Amino acid sequence: MASFTKKAIRESFMRLLAERPVDKITVKDIVEDCGIARNTF
């Protein structure tokens, strides 16, 4: 996985974590937030 993609996923997760509990964050939420394809995730 490219470092850009890893960074985008990490940043999206941290941003979503500030908004809601970890057990309420889905893969769909992360990929929509960072703009990558679900298969890339």
PDB file of N, CA and C in Angstrom:
ATOM      1  N   MET A   1       0.849  -1.172   0.000  1.00  0.00           N
ATOM      2  CA  MET A   1       0.000   0.000   0.000  1.00  0.00           C
ATOM      3  C   MET A   1       0.895   1.234   0.000  1.00  0.00           C
ATOM      4  N   ALA A   2       0.553   2.177  -0.825  1.00  0.00           N
ATOM      5  CA  ALA A   2       1.343   3.395  -0.930  1.00  0.00           C
ATOM      6  C   ALA A   2       1.268   4.184   0.372  1.00  0.00           C
ATOM      7  N   SER A   3       2.338   4.899   0.663  1.00  0.00           N
ATOM      8  CA  SER A   3       2.361   5.664   1.903  1.00  0.00           C
ATOM      9  C   SER A   3       1.270   6.740   1.922  1.00  0.00           C
ATOM     10  N   PHE A   4       0.912   7.279   0.740  1.00  0.00           N
ATOM     11  CA  PHE A   4      -0.175   8.256   0.676  1.00  0.00           C
ATOM     12  C   PHE A   4      -1.477   7.646   1.160  1.00  0.00           C
ATOM     13  N   THR A   5      -1.756   6.423   0.726  1.00  0.00           N
ATOM     14  CA  THR A   5      -2.998   5.752   1.098  1.00  0.00           C
ATOM     15  C   THR A   5      -3.024   5.454   2.593  1.00  0.00           C
ATOM     16  N   LYS A   6      -1.920   4.968   3.115  1.00  0.00           N
ATOM     17  CA  LYS A   6      -1.835   4.697   4.558  1.00  0.00           C
ATOM     18  C   LYS A   6      -2.072   5.974   5.354  1.00  0.00           C
ATOM     19  N   LYS A   7      -1.458   7.043   4.909  1.00  0.00           N
ATOM     20  CA  LYS A   7      -1.605   8.318   5.604  1.00  0.00           C
ATOM     21  C   LYS A   7      -3.051   8.806   5.541  1.00  0.00           C
ATOM     22  N   ALA A   8      -3.683   8.688   4.375  1.00  0.00           N
ATOM     23  CA  ALA A   8      -5.068   9.129   4.214  1.00  0.00           C
ATOM     24  C   ALA A   8      -6.005   8.329   5.118  1.00  0.00           C
ATOM     25  N   ILE A   9      -5.800   7.029   5.188  1.00  0.00           N
ATOM     26  CA  ILE A   9      -6.629   6.176   6.043  1.00  0.00           C
ATOM     27  C   ILE A   9      -6.422   6.540   7.507  1.00  0.00           C
ATOM     28  N   ARG A  10      -5.192   6.699   7.903  1.00  0.00           N
ATOM     29  CA  ARG A  10      -4.864   7.042   9.292  1.00  0.00           C
ATOM     30  C   ARG A  10      -5.489   8.383   9.685  1.00  0.00           C
ATOM     31  N   GLU A  11      -5.346   9.383   8.828  1.00  0.00           N
ATOM     32  CA  GLU A  11      -5.883  10.710   9.132  1.00  0.00           C
ATOM     33  C   GLU A  11      -7.411  10.687   9.192  1.00  0.00           C
ATOM     34  N   SER A  12      -8.040   9.957   8.287  1.00  0.00           N
ATOM     35  CA  SER A  12      -9.498   9.844   8.300  1.00  0.00           C
ATOM     36  C   SER A  12      -9.970   9.167   9.576  1.00  0.00           C
ATOM     37  N   PHE A  13      -9.288   8.102   9.958  1.00  0.00           N
ATOM     38  CA  PHE A  13      -9.665   7.388  11.178  1.00  0.00           C
ATOM     39  C   PHE A  13      -9.552   8.296  12.397  1.00  0.00           C
ATOM     40  N   MET A  14      -8.481   9.043  12.493  1.00  0.00           N
ATOM     41  CA  MET A  14      -8.288   9.935  13.633  1.00  0.00           C
ATOM     42  C   MET A  14      -9.350  11.038  13.652  1.00  0.00           C
ATOM     43  N   ARG A  15      -9.684  11.552  12.487  1.00  0.00           N
ATOM     44  CA  ARG A  15     -10.720  12.592  12.391  1.00  0.00           C
ATOM     45  C   ARG A  15     -12.082  12.032  12.835  1.00  0.00           C
ATOM     46  N   LEU A  16     -12.408  10.829  12.378  1.00  0.00           N
ATOM     47  CA  LEU A  16     -13.673  10.207  12.760  1.00  0.00           C
ATOM     48  C   LEU A  16     -13.687   9.830  14.238  1.00  0.00           C
ATOM     49  N   LEU A  17     -12.545   9.442  14.760  1.00  0.00           N
ATOM     50  CA  LEU A  17     -12.436   9.066  16.168  1.00  0.00           C
ATOM     51  C   LEU A  17     -12.738  10.253  17.074  1.00  0.00           C
ATOM     52  N   ALA A  18     -12.432  11.442  16.623  1.00  0.00           N
ATOM     53  CA  ALA A  18     -12.730  12.645  17.404  1.00  0.00           C
ATOM     54  C   ALA A  18     -14.235  12.918  17.443  1.00  0.00           C
ATOM     55  N   GLU A  19     -14.961  12.362  16.476  1.00  0.00           N
ATOM     56  CA  GLU A  19     -16.397  12.613  16.380  1.00  0.00           C
ATOM     57  C   GLU A  19     -17.256  11.546  17.058  1.00  0.00           C
ATOM     58  N   ARG A  20     -16.765  10.308  17.090  1.00  0.00           N
ATOM     59  CA  ARG A  20     -17.587   9.214  17.628  1.00  0.00           C
ATOM     60  C   ARG A  20     -16.721   8.098  18.192  1.00  0.00           C
ATOM     61  N   PRO A  21     -17.319   7.185  18.968  1.00  0.00           N
ATOM     62  CA  PRO A  21     -16.546   6.073  19.550  1.00  0.00           C
ATOM     63  C   PRO A  21     -16.030   5.118  18.471  1.00  0.00           C
ATOM     64  N   VAL A  22     -14.954   4.443  18.791  1.00  0.00           N
ATOM     65  CA  VAL A  22     -14.296   3.559  17.827  1.00  0.00           C
ATOM     66  C   VAL A  22     -15.225   2.442  17.340  1.00  0.00           C
ATOM     67  N   ASP A  23     -16.101   1.952  18.196  1.00  0.00           N
ATOM     68  CA  ASP A  23     -16.985   0.862  17.778  1.00  0.00           C
ATOM     69  C   ASP A  23     -18.109   1.321  16.847  1.00  0.00           C
ATOM     70  N   LYS A  24     -18.210   2.602  16.606  1.00  0.00           N
ATOM     71  CA  LYS A  24     -19.213   3.138  15.683  1.00  0.00           C
ATOM     72  C   LYS A  24     -18.607   3.587  14.354  1.00  0.00           C
ATOM     73  N   ILE A  25     -17.310   3.387  14.169  1.00  0.00           N
ATOM     74  CA  ILE A  25     -16.633   3.761  12.932  1.00  0.00           C
ATOM     75  C   ILE A  25     -16.554   2.535  12.027  1.00  0.00           C
ATOM     76  N   THR A  26     -17.034   2.680  10.801  1.00  0.00           N
ATOM     77  CA  THR A  26     -17.016   1.557   9.863  1.00  0.00           C
ATOM     78  C   THR A  26     -15.990   1.802   8.757  1.00  0.00           C
ATOM     79  N   VAL A  27     -15.667   0.752   8.037  1.00  0.00           N
ATOM     80  CA  VAL A  27     -14.780   0.875   6.880  1.00  0.00           C
ATOM     81  C   VAL A  27     -15.397   1.847   5.879  1.00  0.00           C
ATOM     82  N   LYS A  28     -16.699   1.744   5.702  1.00  0.00           N
ATOM     83  CA  LYS A  28     -17.399   2.635   4.775  1.00  0.00           C
ATOM     84  C   LYS A  28     -17.194   4.098   5.176  1.00  0.00           C
ATOM     85  N   ASP A  29     -17.293   4.392   6.458  1.00  0.00           N
ATOM     86  CA  ASP A  29     -17.070   5.761   6.940  1.00  0.00           C
ATOM     87  C   ASP A  29     -15.669   6.241   6.578  1.00  0.00           C
ATOM     88  N   ILE A  30     -14.685   5.396   6.785  1.00  0.00           N
ATOM     89  CA  ILE A  30     -13.288   5.777   6.534  1.00  0.00           C
ATOM     90  C   ILE A  30     -13.047   6.015   5.047  1.00  0.00           C
ATOM     91  N   VAL A  31     -13.483   5.077   4.197  1.00  0.00           N
ATOM     92  CA  VAL A  31     -13.209   5.234   2.764  1.00  0.00           C
ATOM     93  C   VAL A  31     -13.960   6.419   2.170  1.00  0.00           C
ATOM     94  N   GLU A  32     -15.163   6.687   2.666  1.00  0.00           N
ATOM     95  CA  GLU A  32     -15.893   7.864   2.180  1.00  0.00           C
ATOM     96  C   GLU A  32     -15.205   9.148   2.614  1.00  0.00           C
ATOM     97  N   ASP A  33     -14.680   9.163   3.828  1.00  0.00           N
ATOM     98  CA  ASP A  33     -14.023  10.356   4.347  1.00  0.00           C
ATOM     99  C   ASP A  33     -12.714  10.665   3.610  1.00  0.00           C
ATOM    100  N   CYS A  34     -11.932   9.626   3.320  1.00  0.00           N
ATOM    101  CA  CYS A  34     -10.629   9.892   2.702  1.00  0.00           C
ATOM    102  C   CYS A  34     -10.644   9.771   1.177  1.00  0.00           C
ATOM    103  N   GLY A  35     -11.758   9.297   0.614  1.00  0.00           N
ATOM    104  CA  GLY A  35     -11.904   9.290  -0.836  1.00  0.00           C
ATOM    105  C   GLY A  35     -11.146   8.186  -1.560  1.00  0.00           C
ATOM    106  N   ILE A  36     -10.950   7.046  -0.893  1.00  0.00           N
ATOM    107  CA  ILE A  36     -10.318   5.917  -1.571  1.00  0.00           C
ATOM    108  C   ILE A  36     -11.378   4.846  -1.827  1.00  0.00           C
ATOM    109  N   ALA A  37     -11.057   3.903  -2.696  1.00  0.00           N
ATOM    110  CA  ALA A  37     -11.970   2.801  -2.987  1.00  0.00           C
ATOM    111  C   ALA A  37     -11.949   1.791  -1.837  1.00  0.00           C
ATOM    112  N   ARG A  38     -13.086   1.165  -1.600  1.00  0.00           N
ATOM    113  CA  ARG A  38     -13.170   0.174  -0.533  1.00  0.00           C
ATOM    114  C   ARG A  38     -12.183  -0.981  -0.763  1.00  0.00           C
ATOM    115  N   ASN A  39     -12.006  -1.379  -2.025  1.00  0.00           N
ATOM    116  CA  ASN A  39     -11.050  -2.454  -2.331  1.00  0.00           C
ATOM    117  C   ASN A  39      -9.622  -2.061  -1.999  1.00  0.00           C
ATOM    118  N   THR A  40      -9.302  -0.806  -2.102  1.00  0.00           N
ATOM    119  CA  THR A  40      -7.967  -0.327  -1.753  1.00  0.00           C
ATOM    120  C   THR A  40      -7.746  -0.462  -0.255  1.00  0.00           C
ATOM    121  N   PHE A  41      -8.794  -0.204   0.514  1.00  0.00           N
ATOM    122  CA  PHE A  41      -8.709  -0.329   1.962  1.00  0.00           C
ATOM    123  C   PHE A  41      -8.315  -1.738   2.350  1.00  0.00           C
TER     124      PHE A  41
END
